[in-house]
Amino acid sequence: LELRSARGPVLRGVSLAAGAGEALAVVGASGSGKTT
């Protein structure tokens, strides 16, 4: 996944998968792209 804004890349080649019922945490500093 590649997502961009006018200021540049927001997400850069992100790949992940989760099965049914699996719990996955995405962590990172503020502004790292988690909410996007």
All heavy atoms as atom14 arrays in JSON, in Angstrom:
{
  "sequence": "LELRSARGPVLRGVSLAAGAGEALAVVGASGSGKTT",
  "atom14_mask": [
    [1, 1, 1, 1, 1, 1, 1, 1, 0, 0, 0, 0, 0, 0],
    [1, 1, 1, 1, 1, 1, 1, 1, 1, 0, 0, 0, 0, 0],
    [1, 1, 1, 1, 1, 1, 1, 1, 0, 0, 0, 0, 0, 0],
    [1, 1, 1, 1, 1, 1, 1, 1, 1, 1, 1, 0, 0, 0],
    [1, 1, 1, 1, 1, 1, 0, 0, 0, 0, 0, 0, 0, 0],
    [1, 1, 1, 1, 1, 0, 0, 0, 0, 0, 0, 0, 0, 0],
    [1, 1, 1, 1, 1, 1, 1, 1, 1, 1, 1, 0, 0, 0],
    [1, 1, 1, 1, 0, 0, 0, 0, 0, 0, 0, 0, 0, 0],
    [1, 1, 1, 1, 1, 1, 1, 0, 0, 0, 0, 0, 0, 0],
    [1, 1, 1, 1, 1, 1, 1, 0, 0, 0, 0, 0, 0, 0],
    [1, 1, 1, 1, 1, 1, 1, 1, 0, 0, 0, 0, 0, 0],
    [1, 1, 1, 1, 1, 1, 1, 1, 1, 1, 1, 0, 0, 0],
    [1, 1, 1, 1, 0, 0, 0, 0, 0, 0, 0, 0, 0, 0],
    [1, 1, 1, 1, 1, 1, 1, 0, 0, 0, 0, 0, 0, 0],
    [1, 1, 1, 1, 1, 1, 0, 0, 0, 0, 0, 0, 0, 0],
    [1, 1, 1, 1, 1, 1, 1, 1, 0, 0, 0, 0, 0, 0],
    [1, 1, 1, 1, 1, 0, 0, 0, 0, 0, 0, 0, 0, 0],
    [1, 1, 1, 1, 1, 0, 0, 0, 0, 0, 0, 0, 0, 0],
    [1, 1, 1, 1, 0, 0, 0, 0, 0, 0, 0, 0, 0, 0],
    [1, 1, 1, 1, 1, 0, 0, 0, 0, 0, 0, 0, 0, 0],
    [1, 1, 1, 1, 0, 0, 0, 0, 0, 0, 0, 0, 0, 0],
    [1, 1, 1, 1, 1, 1, 1, 1, 1, 0, 0, 0, 0, 0],
    [1, 1, 1, 1, 1, 0, 0, 0, 0, 0, 0, 0, 0, 0],
    [1, 1, 1, 1, 1, 1, 1, 1, 0, 0, 0, 0, 0, 0],
    [1, 1, 1, 1, 1, 0, 0, 0, 0, 0, 0, 0, 0, 0],
    [1, 1, 1, 1, 1, 1, 1, 0, 0, 0, 0, 0, 0, 0],
    [1, 1, 1, 1, 1, 1, 1, 0, 0, 0, 0, 0, 0, 0],
    [1, 1, 1, 1, 0, 0, 0, 0, 0, 0, 0, 0, 0, 0],
    [1, 1, 1, 1, 1, 0, 0, 0, 0, 0, 0, 0, 0, 0],
    [1, 1, 1, 1, 1, 1, 0, 0, 0, 0, 0, 0, 0, 0],
    [1, 1, 1, 1, 0, 0, 0, 0, 0, 0, 0, 0, 0, 0],
    [1, 1, 1, 1, 1, 1, 0, 0, 0, 0, 0, 0, 0, 0],
    [1, 1, 1, 1, 0, 0, 0, 0, 0, 0, 0, 0, 0, 0],
    [1, 1, 1, 1, 1, 1, 1, 1, 1, 0, 0, 0, 0, 0],
    [1, 1, 1, 1, 1, 1, 1, 0, 0, 0, 0, 0, 0, 0],
    [1, 1, 1, 1, 1, 1, 1, 0, 0, 0, 0, 0, 0, 0]
  ],
  "atom14_positions": [
    [[0.83, -1.21, 0.0], [0.0, 0.0, 0.0], [0.87, 1.26, 0.0], [1.76, 1.42, 0.84], [-0.91, 0.0, 1.23], [-1.88, 1.19, 1.36], [-2.85, 1.21, 0.18], [-2.63, 1.12, 2.68], [0.0, 0.0, 0.0], [0.0, 0.0, 0.0], [0.0, 0.0, 0.0], [0.0, 0.0, 0.0], [0.0, 0.0, 0.0], [0.0, 0.0, 0.0]],
    [[0.58, 2.13, -0.96], [1.26, 3.43, -1.06], [0.2, 4.53, -0.98], [-0.71, 4.59, -1.82], [2.0, 3.55, -2.41], [3.09, 2.53, -2.62], [4.44, 2.98, -2.07], [4.53, 4.17, -1.67], [5.38, 2.17, -2.05], [0.0, 0.0, 0.0], [0.0, 0.0, 0.0], [0.0, 0.0, 0.0], [0.0, 0.0, 0.0], [0.0, 0.0, 0.0]],
    [[0.31, 5.38, 0.03], [-0.58, 6.53, 0.16], [0.27, 7.78, 0.23], [1.33, 7.8, 0.88], [-1.45, 6.4, 1.42], [-2.43, 5.24, 1.46], [-3.2, 5.23, 2.78], [-3.41, 5.3, 0.29], [0.0, 0.0, 0.0], [0.0, 0.0, 0.0], [0.0, 0.0, 0.0], [0.0, 0.0, 0.0], [0.0, 0.0, 0.0], [0.0, 0.0, 0.0]],
    [[-0.2, 8.84, -0.45], [0.59, 10.06, -0.55], [-0.25, 11.28, -0.19], [-1.47, 11.27, -0.28], [1.13, 10.23, -1.98], [1.96, 9.08, -2.49], [2.51, 9.37, -3.88], [3.38, 10.53, -3.88], [4.67, 10.48, -3.57], [5.24, 9.34, -3.26], [5.4, 11.58, -3.6], [0.0, 0.0, 0.0], [0.0, 0.0, 0.0], [0.0, 0.0, 0.0]],
    [[0.44, 12.33, 0.22], [-0.16, 13.65, 0.39], [0.65, 14.63, -0.44], [1.66, 14.26, -1.05], [-0.16, 14.06, 1.86], [1.16, 14.4, 2.28], [0.0, 0.0, 0.0], [0.0, 0.0, 0.0], [0.0, 0.0, 0.0], [0.0, 0.0, 0.0], [0.0, 0.0, 0.0], [0.0, 0.0, 0.0], [0.0, 0.0, 0.0], [0.0, 0.0, 0.0]],
    [[0.23, 15.9, -0.42], [0.97, 16.91, -1.18], [2.38, 17.08, -0.64], [3.28, 17.55, -1.34], [0.22, 18.24, -1.13], [0.0, 0.0, 0.0], [0.0, 0.0, 0.0], [0.0, 0.0, 0.0], [0.0, 0.0, 0.0], [0.0, 0.0, 0.0], [0.0, 0.0, 0.0], [0.0, 0.0, 0.0], [0.0, 0.0, 0.0], [0.0, 0.0, 0.0]],
    [[2.6, 16.69, 0.61], [3.92, 16.84, 1.23], [4.82, 15.63, 1.02], [5.97, 15.65, 1.42], [3.76, 17.11, 2.73], [3.09, 18.45, 3.04], [2.88, 18.62, 4.53], [1.88, 17.71, 5.06], [0.57, 17.96, 5.05], [0.11, 19.08, 4.53], [-0.29, 17.08, 5.55], [0.0, 0.0, 0.0], [0.0, 0.0, 0.0], [0.0, 0.0, 0.0]],
    [[4.27, 14.56, 0.4], [5.09, 13.38, 0.14], [4.41, 12.11, 0.61], [3.24, 12.1, 1.0], [0.0, 0.0, 0.0], [0.0, 0.0, 0.0], [0.0, 0.0, 0.0], [0.0, 0.0, 0.0], [0.0, 0.0, 0.0], [0.0, 0.0, 0.0], [0.0, 0.0, 0.0], [0.0, 0.0, 0.0], [0.0, 0.0, 0.0], [0.0, 0.0, 0.0]],
    [[5.15, 10.98, 0.62], [4.58, 9.69, 1.01], [4.12, 9.69, 2.47], [4.78, 10.24, 3.34], [5.74, 8.71, 0.8], [6.68, 9.39, -0.12], [6.56, 10.86, 0.18], [0.0, 0.0, 0.0], [0.0, 0.0, 0.0], [0.0, 0.0, 0.0], [0.0, 0.0, 0.0], [0.0, 0.0, 0.0], [0.0, 0.0, 0.0], [0.0, 0.0, 0.0]],
    [[2.97, 9.04, 2.71], [2.46, 8.85, 4.06], [2.63, 7.39, 4.48], [3.05, 7.1, 5.58], [0.98, 9.27, 4.16], [0.43, 9.04, 5.56], [0.82, 10.74, 3.75], [0.0, 0.0, 0.0], [0.0, 0.0, 0.0], [0.0, 0.0, 0.0], [0.0, 0.0, 0.0], [0.0, 0.0, 0.0], [0.0, 0.0, 0.0], [0.0, 0.0, 0.0]],
    [[2.27, 6.47, 3.59], [2.55, 5.05, 3.77], [3.37, 4.58, 2.59], [3.05, 4.89, 1.44], [1.25, 4.24, 3.88], [0.39, 4.48, 5.13], [-0.88, 3.65, 5.07], [1.16, 4.16, 6.41], [0.0, 0.0, 0.0], [0.0, 0.0, 0.0], [0.0, 0.0, 0.0], [0.0, 0.0, 0.0], [0.0, 0.0, 0.0], [0.0, 0.0, 0.0]],
    [[4.41, 3.79, 2.87], [5.38, 3.41, 1.84], [5.47, 1.89, 1.74], [6.15, 1.24, 2.55], [6.76, 3.97, 2.17], [6.77, 5.47, 2.51], [8.07, 5.84, 3.2], [8.06, 7.19, 3.74], [8.72, 8.21, 3.21], [9.45, 8.04, 2.14], [8.67, 9.41, 3.78], [0.0, 0.0, 0.0], [0.0, 0.0, 0.0], [0.0, 0.0, 0.0]],
    [[4.76, 1.3, 0.78], [4.87, -0.13, 0.53], [4.49, -1.0, 1.71], [5.15, -2.01, 1.99], [0.0, 0.0, 0.0], [0.0, 0.0, 0.0], [0.0, 0.0, 0.0], [0.0, 0.0, 0.0], [0.0, 0.0, 0.0], [0.0, 0.0, 0.0], [0.0, 0.0, 0.0], [0.0, 0.0, 0.0], [0.0, 0.0, 0.0], [0.0, 0.0, 0.0]],
    [[3.4, -0.67, 2.38], [2.97, -1.41, 3.57], [2.24, -2.68, 3.16], [1.29, -2.65, 2.37], [2.06, -0.54, 4.46], [1.41, -1.37, 5.56], [2.87, 0.6, 5.05], [0.0, 0.0, 0.0], [0.0, 0.0, 0.0], [0.0, 0.0, 0.0], [0.0, 0.0, 0.0], [0.0, 0.0, 0.0], [0.0, 0.0, 0.0], [0.0, 0.0, 0.0]],
    [[2.66, -3.81, 3.71], [2.01, -5.1, 3.46], [1.85, -5.83, 4.79], [2.8, -5.93, 5.58], [2.83, -5.97, 2.52], [2.96, -5.38, 1.24], [0.0, 0.0, 0.0], [0.0, 0.0, 0.0], [0.0, 0.0, 0.0], [0.0, 0.0, 0.0], [0.0, 0.0, 0.0], [0.0, 0.0, 0.0], [0.0, 0.0, 0.0], [0.0, 0.0, 0.0]],
    [[0.63, -6.32, 5.05], [0.38, -7.14, 6.23], [-0.91, -7.91, 6.03], [-1.7, -7.6, 5.14], [0.33, -6.29, 7.51], [-0.7, -5.15, 7.61], [-2.05, -5.67, 8.12], [-0.18, -4.07, 8.56], [0.0, 0.0, 0.0], [0.0, 0.0, 0.0], [0.0, 0.0, 0.0], [0.0, 0.0, 0.0], [0.0, 0.0, 0.0], [0.0, 0.0, 0.0]],
    [[-1.1, -8.95, 6.85], [-2.31, -9.77, 6.75], [-2.7, -10.25, 8.13], [-1.85, -10.4, 9.02], [-2.08, -10.95, 5.81], [0.0, 0.0, 0.0], [0.0, 0.0, 0.0], [0.0, 0.0, 0.0], [0.0, 0.0, 0.0], [0.0, 0.0, 0.0], [0.0, 0.0, 0.0], [0.0, 0.0, 0.0], [0.0, 0.0, 0.0], [0.0, 0.0, 0.0]],
    [[-4.0, -10.47, 8.32], [-4.5, -10.99, 9.59], [-5.66, -11.92, 9.29], [-6.53, -11.6, 8.47], [-4.96, -9.86, 10.51], [0.0, 0.0, 0.0], [0.0, 0.0, 0.0], [0.0, 0.0, 0.0], [0.0, 0.0, 0.0], [0.0, 0.0, 0.0], [0.0, 0.0, 0.0], [0.0, 0.0, 0.0], [0.0, 0.0, 0.0], [0.0, 0.0, 0.0]],
    [[-5.68, -13.09, 9.95], [-6.74, -14.06, 9.75], [-7.96, -13.74, 10.6], [-7.93, -12.86, 11.47], [0.0, 0.0, 0.0], [0.0, 0.0, 0.0], [0.0, 0.0, 0.0], [0.0, 0.0, 0.0], [0.0, 0.0, 0.0], [0.0, 0.0, 0.0], [0.0, 0.0, 0.0], [0.0, 0.0, 0.0], [0.0, 0.0, 0.0], [0.0, 0.0, 0.0]],
    [[-9.04, -14.47, 10.36], [-10.27, -14.29, 11.13], [-9.98, -14.55, 12.61], [-9.36, -15.56, 12.96], [-11.36, -15.22, 10.63], [0.0, 0.0, 0.0], [0.0, 0.0, 0.0], [0.0, 0.0, 0.0], [0.0, 0.0, 0.0], [0.0, 0.0, 0.0], [0.0, 0.0, 0.0], [0.0, 0.0, 0.0], [0.0, 0.0, 0.0], [0.0, 0.0, 0.0]],
    [[-10.39, -13.63, 13.46], [-10.19, -13.79, 14.89], [-8.79, -13.46, 15.38], [-8.52, -13.55, 16.57], [0.0, 0.0, 0.0], [0.0, 0.0, 0.0], [0.0, 0.0, 0.0], [0.0, 0.0, 0.0], [0.0, 0.0, 0.0], [0.0, 0.0, 0.0], [0.0, 0.0, 0.0], [0.0, 0.0, 0.0], [0.0, 0.0, 0.0], [0.0, 0.0, 0.0]],
    [[-7.9, -13.06, 14.48], [-6.53, -12.73, 14.9], [-6.49, -11.28, 15.39], [-7.19, -10.41, 14.87], [-5.57, -12.89, 13.73], [-4.1, -12.68, 14.11], [-3.14, -12.94, 12.96], [-3.61, -13.26, 11.85], [-1.92, -12.81, 13.18], [0.0, 0.0, 0.0], [0.0, 0.0, 0.0], [0.0, 0.0, 0.0], [0.0, 0.0, 0.0], [0.0, 0.0, 0.0]],
    [[-5.65, -11.04, 16.39], [-5.49, -9.68, 16.93], [-4.11, -9.17, 16.55], [-3.09, -9.8, 16.86], [-5.65, -9.69, 18.45], [0.0, 0.0, 0.0], [0.0, 0.0, 0.0], [0.0, 0.0, 0.0], [0.0, 0.0, 0.0], [0.0, 0.0, 0.0], [0.0, 0.0, 0.0], [0.0, 0.0, 0.0], [0.0, 0.0, 0.0], [0.0, 0.0, 0.0]],
    [[-4.09, -8.03, 15.89], [-2.86, -7.44, 15.37], [-2.74, -6.01, 15.86], [-3.69, -5.23, 15.73], [-2.89, -7.47, 13.84], [-1.76, -6.79, 13.07], [-0.44, -7.52, 13.31], [-2.08, -6.76, 11.57], [0.0, 0.0, 0.0], [0.0, 0.0, 0.0], [0.0, 0.0, 0.0], [0.0, 0.0, 0.0], [0.0, 0.0, 0.0], [0.0, 0.0, 0.0]],
    [[-1.61, -5.65, 16.43], [-1.37, -4.28, 16.87], [-0.43, -3.59, 15.9], [0.57, -4.17, 15.48], [-0.77, -4.27, 18.27], [0.0, 0.0, 0.0], [0.0, 0.0, 0.0], [0.0, 0.0, 0.0], [0.0, 0.0, 0.0], [0.0, 0.0, 0.0], [0.0, 0.0, 0.0], [0.0, 0.0, 0.0], [0.0, 0.0, 0.0], [0.0, 0.0, 0.0]],
    [[-0.77, -2.36, 15.53], [0.12, -1.51, 14.74], [0.55, -0.37, 15.65], [-0.28, 0.42, 16.11], [-0.58, -0.97, 13.48], [0.34, -0.03, 12.71], [-1.03, -2.11, 12.59], [0.0, 0.0, 0.0], [0.0, 0.0, 0.0], [0.0, 0.0, 0.0], [0.0, 0.0, 0.0], [0.0, 0.0, 0.0], [0.0, 0.0, 0.0], [0.0, 0.0, 0.0]],
    [[1.83, -0.29, 15.94], [2.35, 0.7, 16.88], [3.37, 1.59, 16.18], [3.93, 1.23, 15.15], [2.99, 0.04, 18.12], [2.01, -0.9, 18.8], [4.27, -0.7, 17.76], [0.0, 0.0, 0.0], [0.0, 0.0, 0.0], [0.0, 0.0, 0.0], [0.0, 0.0, 0.0], [0.0, 0.0, 0.0], [0.0, 0.0, 0.0], [0.0, 0.0, 0.0]],
    [[3.6, 2.75, 16.76], [4.58, 3.67, 16.21], [4.42, 5.03, 16.85], [3.44, 5.31, 17.53], [0.0, 0.0, 0.0], [0.0, 0.0, 0.0], [0.0, 0.0, 0.0], [0.0, 0.0, 0.0], [0.0, 0.0, 0.0], [0.0, 0.0, 0.0], [0.0, 0.0, 0.0], [0.0, 0.0, 0.0], [0.0, 0.0, 0.0], [0.0, 0.0, 0.0]],
    [[5.41, 5.87, 16.62], [5.38, 7.22, 17.17], [4.27, 8.03, 16.52], [3.74, 7.68, 15.46], [6.73, 7.9, 16.96], [0.0, 0.0, 0.0], [0.0, 0.0, 0.0], [0.0, 0.0, 0.0], [0.0, 0.0, 0.0], [0.0, 0.0, 0.0], [0.0, 0.0, 0.0], [0.0, 0.0, 0.0], [0.0, 0.0, 0.0], [0.0, 0.0, 0.0]],
    [[3.92, 9.13, 17.16], [2.94, 10.05, 16.61], [3.38, 10.51, 15.22], [4.54, 10.88, 15.02], [2.79, 11.25, 17.54], [1.92, 12.2, 17.01], [0.0, 0.0, 0.0], [0.0, 0.0, 0.0], [0.0, 0.0, 0.0], [0.0, 0.0, 0.0], [0.0, 0.0, 0.0], [0.0, 0.0, 0.0], [0.0, 0.0, 0.0], [0.0, 0.0, 0.0]],
    [[2.45, 10.46, 14.25], [2.78, 10.89, 12.89], [3.41, 9.82, 12.02], [3.8, 10.1, 10.88], [0.0, 0.0, 0.0], [0.0, 0.0, 0.0], [0.0, 0.0, 0.0], [0.0, 0.0, 0.0], [0.0, 0.0, 0.0], [0.0, 0.0, 0.0], [0.0, 0.0, 0.0], [0.0, 0.0, 0.0], [0.0, 0.0, 0.0], [0.0, 0.0, 0.0]],
    [[3.47, 8.58, 12.52], [4.12, 7.52, 11.74], [3.22, 6.93, 10.66], [3.69, 6.16, 9.83], [4.61, 6.39, 12.67], [3.52, 5.83, 13.38], [0.0, 0.0, 0.0], [0.0, 0.0, 0.0], [0.0, 0.0, 0.0], [0.0, 0.0, 0.0], [0.0, 0.0, 0.0], [0.0, 0.0, 0.0], [0.0, 0.0, 0.0], [0.0, 0.0, 0.0]],
    [[1.92, 7.26, 10.68], [1.0, 6.77, 9.66], [-0.01, 5.76, 10.18], [-0.76, 5.18, 9.38], [0.0, 0.0, 0.0], [0.0, 0.0, 0.0], [0.0, 0.0, 0.0], [0.0, 0.0, 0.0], [0.0, 0.0, 0.0], [0.0, 0.0, 0.0], [0.0, 0.0, 0.0], [0.0, 0.0, 0.0], [0.0, 0.0, 0.0], [0.0, 0.0, 0.0]],
    [[-0.08, 5.57, 11.5], [-0.95, 4.53, 12.07], [-2.43, 4.77, 11.75], [-3.13, 3.88, 11.28], [-0.77, 4.45, 13.59], [0.65, 4.24, 14.08], [0.72, 4.02, 15.57], [0.16, 5.17, 16.41], [0.9, 6.42, 16.26], [0.0, 0.0, 0.0], [0.0, 0.0, 0.0], [0.0, 0.0, 0.0], [0.0, 0.0, 0.0], [0.0, 0.0, 0.0]],
    [[-2.9, 5.99, 12.03], [-4.32, 6.28, 11.82], [-4.67, 6.25, 10.33], [-5.75, 5.77, 9.95], [-4.68, 7.64, 12.43], [-4.53, 7.57, 13.85], [-6.11, 8.04, 12.11], [0.0, 0.0, 0.0], [0.0, 0.0, 0.0], [0.0, 0.0, 0.0], [0.0, 0.0, 0.0], [0.0, 0.0, 0.0], [0.0, 0.0, 0.0], [0.0, 0.0, 0.0]],
    [[-3.78, 6.72, 9.47], [-4.02, 6.66, 8.02], [-4.19, 5.22, 7.57], [-5.06, 4.9, 6.76], [-2.86, 7.33, 7.27], [-2.75, 8.7, 7.67], [-3.07, 7.27, 5.77], [0.0, 0.0, 0.0], [0.0, 0.0, 0.0], [0.0, 0.0, 0.0], [0.0, 0.0, 0.0], [0.0, 0.0, 0.0], [0.0, 0.0, 0.0], [0.0, 0.0, 0.0]]
  ]
}
